[in-house]
Protein backbone atom coordinates (compact mmCIF):
# COMPACT_ATOMS: atom_id res chain seq x y z
CA MET A 1 98.33 101.69 74.67
CA LYS A 2 100.91 99.49 73.00
CA GLN A 3 99.82 100.74 69.57
CA VAL A 4 99.77 104.42 70.58
CA TYR A 5 102.90 104.75 72.71
CA PRO A 6 105.50 104.59 69.88
CA GLN A 7 104.10 107.82 68.39
CA TYR A 8 104.91 109.65 71.64
CA ALA A 9 108.03 107.78 72.80
CA ASP A 10 110.32 110.73 72.04
CA GLU A 11 108.04 113.24 73.77
CA VAL A 12 106.64 111.44 76.82
CA ASP A 13 108.53 109.47 79.46
CA PHE A 14 106.60 106.29 80.17
CA TYR A 15 107.48 103.51 82.61
CA ALA A 16 105.68 100.38 83.69
CA VAL A 17 106.18 100.04 87.43
CA GLY A 18 105.75 96.62 88.99
CA VAL A 19 103.15 96.12 91.70
CA PHE A 20 105.17 93.71 93.79
CA PRO A 21 108.09 95.47 95.53
CA SER A 22 109.58 92.09 96.44
CA GLU A 23 110.15 91.21 92.75
CA ASP A 24 113.40 92.28 91.16
CA ILE A 25 113.86 94.08 87.86
CA GLU A 26 114.72 90.87 86.01
CA VAL A 27 111.21 89.51 86.64
CA TYR A 28 109.63 92.66 85.23
CA GLU A 29 112.04 92.81 82.31
CA LYS A 30 111.24 89.20 81.39
CA PHE A 31 107.49 89.98 81.45
CA ARG A 32 108.07 93.11 79.33
CA ALA A 33 109.99 91.09 76.74
CA GLU A 34 107.38 88.30 76.67
CA LYS A 35 104.60 90.83 76.03
CA ASP A 36 106.78 92.81 73.60
CA TYR A 37 106.10 96.06 75.44
CA PRO A 38 108.20 98.91 74.02
CA TRP A 39 108.50 100.90 77.26
CA PRO A 40 110.97 100.44 80.12
CA VAL A 41 110.03 98.81 83.42
CA ALA A 42 110.86 99.78 86.99
CA VAL A 43 110.60 98.39 90.49
CA PRO A 44 108.57 100.44 93.00
CA LYS A 45 110.57 101.85 95.90
CA GLY A 46 109.47 102.74 99.40
CA GLY A 47 105.82 103.66 99.73
CA LEU A 48 105.34 104.65 96.09
CA LEU A 49 102.34 102.41 95.46
CA THR A 50 100.67 103.44 98.72
CA ASP A 51 101.40 107.11 98.11
CA LEU A 52 99.80 106.89 94.67
CA ARG A 53 96.88 104.79 95.99
CA VAL A 54 97.63 101.92 93.63
CA THR A 55 95.45 99.07 94.84
CA ILE A 56 95.06 96.94 91.72
CA GLN A 57 97.24 95.70 88.93
CA SER A 58 97.28 97.72 85.70
CA THR A 59 96.65 101.09 87.31
CA LYS A 60 97.72 103.82 84.91
CA ILE A 61 98.71 107.26 86.18
CA ALA A 62 99.87 110.18 84.04
CA PHE A 63 101.85 113.08 85.50
CA ASP A 64 102.55 116.38 83.81
CA GLY A 65 105.96 118.05 83.92
CA ALA A 66 105.16 119.57 87.32
CA GLY A 67 104.33 116.18 88.85
CA VAL A 68 100.57 116.77 88.88
CA ILE A 69 98.39 113.75 88.14
CA THR A 70 96.52 114.48 84.91
CA HIS A 71 94.97 111.06 84.24
CA ARG A 72 94.20 107.92 86.20
CA ALA A 73 92.78 104.68 84.82
CA SER A 74 92.31 101.14 86.06
CA MET A 75 92.50 97.73 84.45
CA GLY A 76 90.46 97.67 81.27
CA ASP A 77 89.99 101.45 81.14
CA GLY A 78 91.05 103.25 78.03
CA ASN A 79 91.23 102.75 74.31
CA PRO A 80 93.56 104.07 71.61
CA GLU A 81 91.64 107.36 71.29
CA ILE A 82 91.88 108.05 75.04
CA TRP A 83 95.62 107.25 75.05
CA HIS A 84 96.17 109.57 72.08
CA GLN A 85 94.47 112.32 74.07
CA VAL A 86 96.47 111.62 77.25
CA PHE A 87 99.84 111.38 75.47
CA SER A 88 99.23 114.39 73.24
CA LYS A 89 98.35 116.57 76.27
CA LEU A 90 101.49 115.40 78.04
CA ALA A 91 103.62 116.03 74.97
CA ALA A 92 102.23 119.56 74.71
CA SER A 93 102.99 120.42 78.34
């Protein structure tokens, strides 16, 4: 995803959301910088992770402009071709 995202950065909003609500944004920002991820990070609020049924780290969820989930993947799922497809569909909607 790291290789594909920059092509869509101006068309698709993308955030990495931490999985530990007790961690603060500085922890996630430090991890983002260490991994050289180009996207912003966020801290989950309230029951977000439960509401979205996030049960494992590296869950990826794509929403269209209406808030409908259009793609869901788990750790290790996906490759550059799949991410091109997901991002291009989002950019077109």
